Protein backbone atom coordinates (compact mmCIF):
# COMPACT_ATOMS: atom_id res chain seq x y z
CA MET A 1 -37.52 -31.09 101.54
CA SER A 2 -40.59 -29.70 99.98
CA GLN A 3 -39.06 -26.19 100.12
CA VAL A 4 -35.89 -27.27 98.29
CA GLN A 5 -37.63 -28.89 95.35
CA PRO A 6 -39.01 -25.66 93.83
CA TRP A 7 -35.54 -24.05 94.12
CA ILE A 8 -33.97 -27.03 92.38
CA ALA A 9 -36.58 -26.79 89.62
CA VAL A 10 -35.93 -23.04 89.21
CA ALA A 11 -32.14 -23.61 89.21
CA GLY A 12 -32.51 -26.43 86.66
CA LEU A 13 -34.69 -24.20 84.50
CA LEU A 14 -32.14 -21.36 84.70
CA VAL A 15 -29.27 -23.72 83.86
CA GLY A 16 -31.27 -25.15 80.92
CA VAL A 17 -32.08 -21.69 79.58
CA GLY A 18 -28.43 -20.67 80.01
CA LEU A 19 -27.21 -23.75 78.15
CA GLY A 20 -29.79 -23.15 75.42
CA VAL A 21 -28.67 -19.53 75.03
CA ALA A 22 -25.00 -20.59 75.01
CA GLY A 23 -25.65 -23.27 72.36
CA ALA A 24 -27.68 -20.91 70.17
CA SER A 25 -25.03 -18.18 70.43
CA TRP A 26 -22.27 -20.66 69.55
CA HIS A 27 -24.27 -21.89 66.54
CA TRP A 28 -25.13 -18.41 65.28
CA ALA A 29 -21.61 -17.11 65.96
CA ARG A 30 -20.20 -19.88 63.77
CA ARG A 31 -22.63 -19.08 60.95
CA LEU A 32 -21.96 -15.37 61.33
CA ALA A 33 -18.20 -16.01 61.07
CA VAL A 34 -18.72 -17.95 57.83
CA VAL A 35 -20.82 -15.12 56.41
CA GLN A 36 -18.23 -12.57 57.55
CA ARG A 37 -15.40 -14.51 55.85
CA THR A 38 -17.43 -14.71 52.65
CA ALA A 39 -18.13 -10.97 52.79
CA ASP A 40 -14.42 -10.26 53.34
CA GLN A 41 -13.49 -12.47 50.38
CA LEU A 42 -16.05 -10.73 48.19
CA GLY A 43 -14.73 -7.35 49.29
CA ALA A 44 -11.16 -8.38 48.50
CA SER A 45 -12.25 -9.70 45.09
CA ARG A 46 -14.08 -6.47 44.39
CA ASN A 47 -11.02 -4.41 45.34
CA LEU A 48 -8.83 -6.56 43.09
CA LEU A 49 -11.27 -6.17 40.19
CA ASP A 50 -11.37 -2.40 40.77
CA GLN A 51 -7.57 -2.28 40.65
CA GLN A 52 -7.47 -4.36 37.48
CA ASN A 53 -10.16 -2.17 35.92
CA THR A 54 -8.20 0.97 36.76
CA GLN A 55 -5.02 -0.53 35.34
CA ALA A 56 -6.83 -1.57 32.16
CA ARG A 57 -8.23 1.94 31.75
CA ARG A 58 -4.75 3.41 32.16
CA GLN A 59 -3.40 1.01 29.56
CA VAL A 60 -6.22 1.92 27.16
CA GLU A 61 -5.51 5.62 27.67
CA GLN A 62 -1.79 5.04 27.07
CA LEU A 63 -2.47 3.00 23.93
CA GLN A 64 -4.87 5.64 22.64
CA SER A 65 -2.28 8.37 23.17
CA GLU A 66 0.38 6.25 21.42
CA LEU A 67 -2.06 5.59 18.58
CA GLY A 68 -2.69 9.32 18.26
CA ASP A 69 1.07 9.94 18.13
CA LEU A 70 1.46 7.25 15.47
CA ARG A 71 -1.37 8.76 13.42
CA ILE A 72 0.32 12.16 13.56
CA PHE A 73 3.64 10.56 12.56
CA ALA A 74 1.97 8.68 9.69
CA GLU A 75 0.27 11.85 8.47
CA ARG A 76 3.57 13.73 8.52
CA ALA A 77 5.29 10.86 6.69
CA ARG A 78 2.49 10.78 4.12
CA ARG A 79 2.79 14.54 3.54
CA ARG A 80 6.59 14.26 3.23
CA LEU A 81 6.18 11.40 0.78
CA ALA A 82 3.63 13.39 -1.21
CA MET A 83 6.01 16.35 -1.34
CA LEU A 84 8.87 14.12 -2.49
CA SER A 85 6.78 12.38 -5.12
CA ASP A 86 5.75 15.75 -6.59
CA GLY A 87 9.38 16.33 -7.61
CA PRO A 88 10.50 15.30 -11.15
CA THR A 89 13.24 12.88 -10.05
CA ALA A 90 11.55 11.24 -7.11
CA HIS A 91 10.09 7.78 -7.51
CA VAL A 92 8.54 5.85 -4.62
CA ALA A 93 8.21 2.10 -4.85
CA ALA A 94 5.12 0.43 -3.48
CA PRO A 95 5.70 -1.79 -0.46
CA PRO A 96 5.95 -5.50 -1.26
CA PRO A 97 2.85 -7.56 -0.56
CA PRO A 98 2.92 -9.64 2.62
CA PRO A 99 4.12 -13.22 2.15
CA ALA A 100 1.42 -15.82 1.68
CA ALA A 101 0.90 -18.35 4.43
CA PRO A 102 2.31 -21.80 3.63
CA PRO A 103 -0.38 -24.32 2.68
CA ARG A 104 -1.46 -26.69 5.42
CA PRO A 105 -0.95 -30.37 4.70
CA SER A 106 -4.04 -32.53 4.55
CA ALA A 107 -4.72 -35.26 7.06
CA GLN A 108 -3.71 -37.91 4.50
CA GLU A 109 -0.36 -36.21 3.86
CA VAL A 110 0.27 -36.00 7.61
CA ALA A 111 -0.56 -39.70 7.98
CA GLN A 112 1.83 -40.55 5.14
CA MET A 113 4.60 -38.49 6.76
CA LEU A 114 4.00 -40.22 10.09
CA ASN A 115 4.12 -43.64 8.42
CA ARG A 116 7.41 -42.76 6.69
CA ASN A 117 8.80 -41.54 9.97
CA ASP A 118 7.72 -44.78 11.69
CA GLN A 119 9.39 -46.86 8.94
CA ARG A 120 12.63 -44.95 9.39
CA ARG A 121 12.42 -45.33 13.12
CA GLU A 122 11.80 -49.10 13.22
CA PRO A 123 15.53 -50.06 13.02
CA ALA A 124 16.31 -47.50 15.71
CA LEU A 125 13.49 -48.88 17.87
CA ALA A 126 14.84 -52.40 17.46
CA GLU A 127 18.26 -51.22 18.63
CA ALA A 128 16.67 -49.33 21.51
CA GLU A 129 14.78 -52.43 22.59
CA GLN A 130 18.04 -54.36 22.59
CA ASP A 131 19.78 -51.62 24.57
CA ASP A 132 16.77 -51.37 26.92
CA ALA A 133 17.50 -47.76 27.89
CA GLY A 134 14.40 -47.68 30.06
CA PHE A 135 12.45 -45.09 28.06
CA GLU A 136 9.41 -45.68 25.91
CA PRO A 137 9.66 -44.36 22.34
CA THR A 138 7.84 -41.10 21.68
CA GLN A 139 4.53 -41.53 19.90
CA VAL A 140 2.89 -38.82 17.82
CA ASP A 141 -0.86 -38.90 17.38
CA PRO A 142 -2.09 -38.02 13.90
CA PRO A 143 -4.23 -34.85 13.76
CA GLU A 144 -7.97 -35.17 13.79
CA ASN A 145 -9.86 -34.15 10.70
CA LEU A 146 -11.26 -30.67 11.13
């Protein structure tokens, strides 16, 4: 039996080394797969950003060409208008000014409007509670002071 024991020790050592190598390769293969997936995702994101960048450049070029066309058109219209206004019977009216923006109500005015609305709604709410339609009444929060 003394001759078998060294062979068992060598076989056990070889099996242990083999299992160690298999475990390490499994562990590193898993980590490598995660890194590979991340690299693939980054590559796909980069390709998408490149496509979007190219599309944006094309749109900018198209808008610049349209703007150039509009400038040429405006210059021609201005020259035509200048030629017409040089005549004795031509009269060109100035364009009307843009309409002014409506004034914004103050927070107090909004609160008063909401209170009036609530007072008008109270009889309807009482009827709704009697009918019990199953829906809560809509509530409007007053705006915060800016």
